[in-house]
Every structure is written in C-alpha cells, then in structure tokens.
Amino acid sequence: MYTCRHIRKHYGLSQKDLAMFLGVNRASVIEVEKGRTSLSTNYLLKMAELQKCIEQEEVKREQSCDEETVRYCRKLEADCLFRLATLKRKLVYMQRKFHKTCALRSLLEQLNPGTDKHTQAWITIQTLKVERTTS
C-alpha cells in the first residue's frame, strides 16, 4: 500500500505543494507522512482528485510528445527524400559523363595515327585527358 509520501514523491510534489493543494499547512503533511495522524475523508478525496489531474496531464504530455515525434520523423523523411533525389540526379549525370568518356576512348582507340607525329601527340594528349576525367 502506498503512503502519502510515496504518492507525493511519485508525482514529484514537494510537501509545500501538497499542503497548498490540500489547504493545510506543511507540518500537517509531515505528520501524515510520519504516520502520526491520518487524512480525513475529505482530504483523501482531494488527493485522489490531484492524482487524477496529474495522470491526465501526463497523458496529454505523452500525446503531445508523440505528435512532436511524428512531425520530426516526417521532416526527416522529407529531408532524406530530397537528398536521395539529389544523389540520383548526380548519379545520372555521372553515368552520362562516363558513357561519353567511354565512347570517346573507343573512338580514340579506333583511330590509326599513321606516321604523322602531330596526330600521335594529339591522340596521346586526348587519351590522357579522358583517363584523368574518369579517375
């Protein structure tokens, strides 16, 4: 069985707070908690009313916390979807660039430089540029 003190401590009330709510002085609450006196029926009903009010307030607080959590999760989800879309756009851009690079490399490999030193130098430079952009 819970005593007055256990109930008061459970709900985080001070002796002064409980005394003010019950309409008695703090010394009376101390006497009740020590077991020297007991609360009258009227005060017990007030304690039950206090307990009910505190529990209703806790339920409201839990519901508001749940709503805040839901709002926060929705915001995170929207941020994640935006970042995912950005990454997909970057991936598509990189894939296009890669395909262009592969096509250019393939064309450069198909060219026959022949004996012209300028053409050989140009192909070598272009191949190095392609390799640098892909790595």
Protein backbone atom coordinates (compact mmCIF):
# COMPACT_ATOMS: atom_id res chain seq x y z
CA MET A 1 0.00 0.00 0.00
CA TYR A 2 1.30 3.41 -0.94
CA THR A 3 1.65 6.04 1.70
CA CYS A 4 1.07 9.74 1.26
CA ARG A 5 4.82 10.25 0.91
CA HIS A 6 5.17 7.62 -1.84
CA ILE A 7 2.35 9.19 -3.83
CA ARG A 8 3.77 12.69 -3.36
CA LYS A 9 7.29 11.61 -4.40
CA HIS A 10 5.94 9.62 -7.36
CA TYR A 11 4.33 12.74 -8.83
CA GLY A 12 7.30 14.97 -7.97
CA LEU A 13 5.48 17.20 -5.49
CA SER A 14 7.04 18.90 -2.51
CA GLN A 15 5.43 18.83 0.91
CA LYS A 16 4.63 22.51 0.49
CA ASP A 17 2.90 21.90 -2.87
CA LEU A 18 0.78 19.12 -1.43
CA ALA A 19 -0.08 21.20 1.63
CA MET A 20 -1.17 24.12 -0.56
CA PHE A 21 -3.36 21.88 -2.69
CA LEU A 22 -4.99 20.21 0.31
CA GLY A 23 -5.43 23.51 2.14
CA VAL A 24 -3.40 22.50 5.18
CA ASN A 25 -0.02 23.59 6.48
CA ARG A 26 3.23 21.79 5.73
CA ALA A 27 3.52 20.49 9.29
CA SER A 28 0.25 18.58 8.81
CA VAL A 29 1.63 16.87 5.70
CA ILE A 30 4.79 15.93 7.63
CA GLU A 31 2.67 14.44 10.44
CA VAL A 32 0.65 12.40 7.94
CA GLU A 33 3.78 11.15 6.19
CA LYS A 34 5.32 10.07 9.50
CA GLY A 35 2.13 8.20 10.33
CA ARG A 36 1.29 10.23 13.45
CA THR A 37 -2.05 11.36 12.02
CA SER A 38 -4.21 10.31 9.12
CA LEU A 39 -6.01 12.29 6.47
CA SER A 40 -9.73 12.79 6.76
CA THR A 41 -12.00 11.51 4.01
CA ASN A 42 -12.30 14.99 2.57
CA TYR A 43 -8.51 15.27 2.17
CA LEU A 44 -8.28 11.75 0.76
CA LEU A 45 -10.80 12.71 -1.92
CA LYS A 46 -8.72 15.79 -2.71
CA MET A 47 -5.61 13.57 -3.01
CA ALA A 48 -7.48 11.27 -5.42
CA GLU A 49 -8.56 14.31 -7.44
CA LEU A 50 -4.96 15.55 -7.52
CA GLN A 51 -3.75 12.14 -8.66
CA LYS A 52 -6.37 12.05 -11.44
CA CYS A 53 -5.43 15.56 -12.64
CA ILE A 54 -1.72 14.71 -12.70
CA GLU A 55 -2.35 11.47 -14.62
CA GLN A 56 -4.49 13.31 -17.20
CA GLU A 57 -1.73 15.88 -17.61
CA GLU A 58 0.83 13.09 -18.12
CA VAL A 59 -1.36 11.51 -20.82
CA LYS A 60 -1.65 14.88 -22.59
CA ARG A 61 2.12 15.34 -22.39
CA GLU A 62 2.72 11.86 -23.84
CA GLN A 63 0.32 12.56 -26.70
CA SER A 64 1.99 15.88 -27.48
CA CYS A 65 5.38 14.14 -27.41
CA ASP A 66 4.05 11.58 -29.86
CA GLU A 67 2.79 14.34 -32.17
CA GLU A 68 6.16 16.10 -31.98
CA THR A 69 7.92 12.83 -32.76
CA VAL A 70 5.66 12.24 -35.76
CA ARG A 71 6.31 15.79 -37.06
CA TYR A 72 10.06 15.35 -36.57
CA CYS A 73 10.03 11.99 -38.37
CA ARG A 74 8.08 13.48 -41.28
CA LYS A 75 10.61 16.30 -41.56
CA LEU A 76 13.48 13.79 -41.53
CA GLU A 77 11.74 11.73 -44.18
CA ALA A 78 11.29 14.79 -46.41
CA ASP A 79 14.97 15.71 -45.97
CA CYS A 80 16.04 12.16 -46.81
CA LEU A 81 13.85 12.08 -49.92
CA PHE A 82 15.32 15.41 -51.08
CA ARG A 83 18.87 14.16 -50.54
CA LEU A 84 18.05 10.90 -52.32
CA ALA A 85 16.68 12.80 -55.33
CA THR A 86 19.82 14.95 -55.39
CA LEU A 87 22.03 11.87 -55.32
CA LYS A 88 20.02 10.25 -58.12
CA ARG A 89 20.47 13.37 -60.28
CA LYS A 90 24.22 13.31 -59.61
CA LEU A 91 24.35 9.60 -60.45
CA VAL A 92 22.56 10.13 -63.77
CA TYR A 93 24.96 12.98 -64.61
CA MET A 94 27.99 10.84 -63.75
CA GLN A 95 26.66 7.91 -65.79
CA ARG A 96 26.16 10.14 -68.83
CA LYS A 97 29.64 11.55 -68.43
CA PHE A 98 31.06 8.04 -68.08
CA HIS A 99 29.30 6.84 -71.23
CA LYS A 100 30.58 9.86 -73.19
CA THR A 101 34.09 9.19 -71.91
CA CYS A 102 33.91 5.51 -72.87
CA ALA A 103 32.64 6.43 -76.34
CA LEU A 104 35.45 8.97 -76.79
CA ARG A 105 38.06 6.47 -75.60
CA SER A 106 36.69 3.90 -78.03
CA LEU A 107 36.90 6.39 -80.92
CA LEU A 108 40.46 7.32 -79.99
CA GLU A 109 41.46 3.66 -79.94
CA GLN A 110 39.95 3.13 -83.38
CA LEU A 111 41.96 5.96 -84.92
CA ASN A 112 45.08 4.89 -86.78
CA PRO A 113 47.67 7.55 -86.01
CA GLY A 114 49.78 6.63 -89.04
CA THR A 115 53.16 8.21 -89.32
CA ASP A 116 52.19 11.80 -88.54
CA LYS A 117 53.86 12.77 -85.22
CA HIS A 118 51.38 15.61 -84.59
CA THR A 119 48.40 13.25 -84.85
CA GLN A 120 50.06 10.76 -82.49
CA ALA A 121 50.77 13.52 -79.97
CA TRP A 122 47.18 14.82 -80.19
CA ILE A 123 45.72 11.33 -79.63
CA THR A 124 48.05 10.74 -76.67
CA ILE A 125 47.01 14.06 -75.08
CA GLN A 126 43.32 13.33 -75.62
CA THR A 127 43.68 9.84 -74.15
CA LEU A 128 45.39 11.27 -71.06
CA LYS A 129 42.60 13.84 -70.67
CA VAL A 130 39.97 11.11 -70.89
CA GLU A 131 41.77 8.97 -68.32
CA ARG A 132 42.14 11.94 -65.97
CA THR A 133 38.41 12.78 -66.10
CA THR A 134 37.37 9.19 -65.42
CA SER A 135 39.62 8.61 -62.45
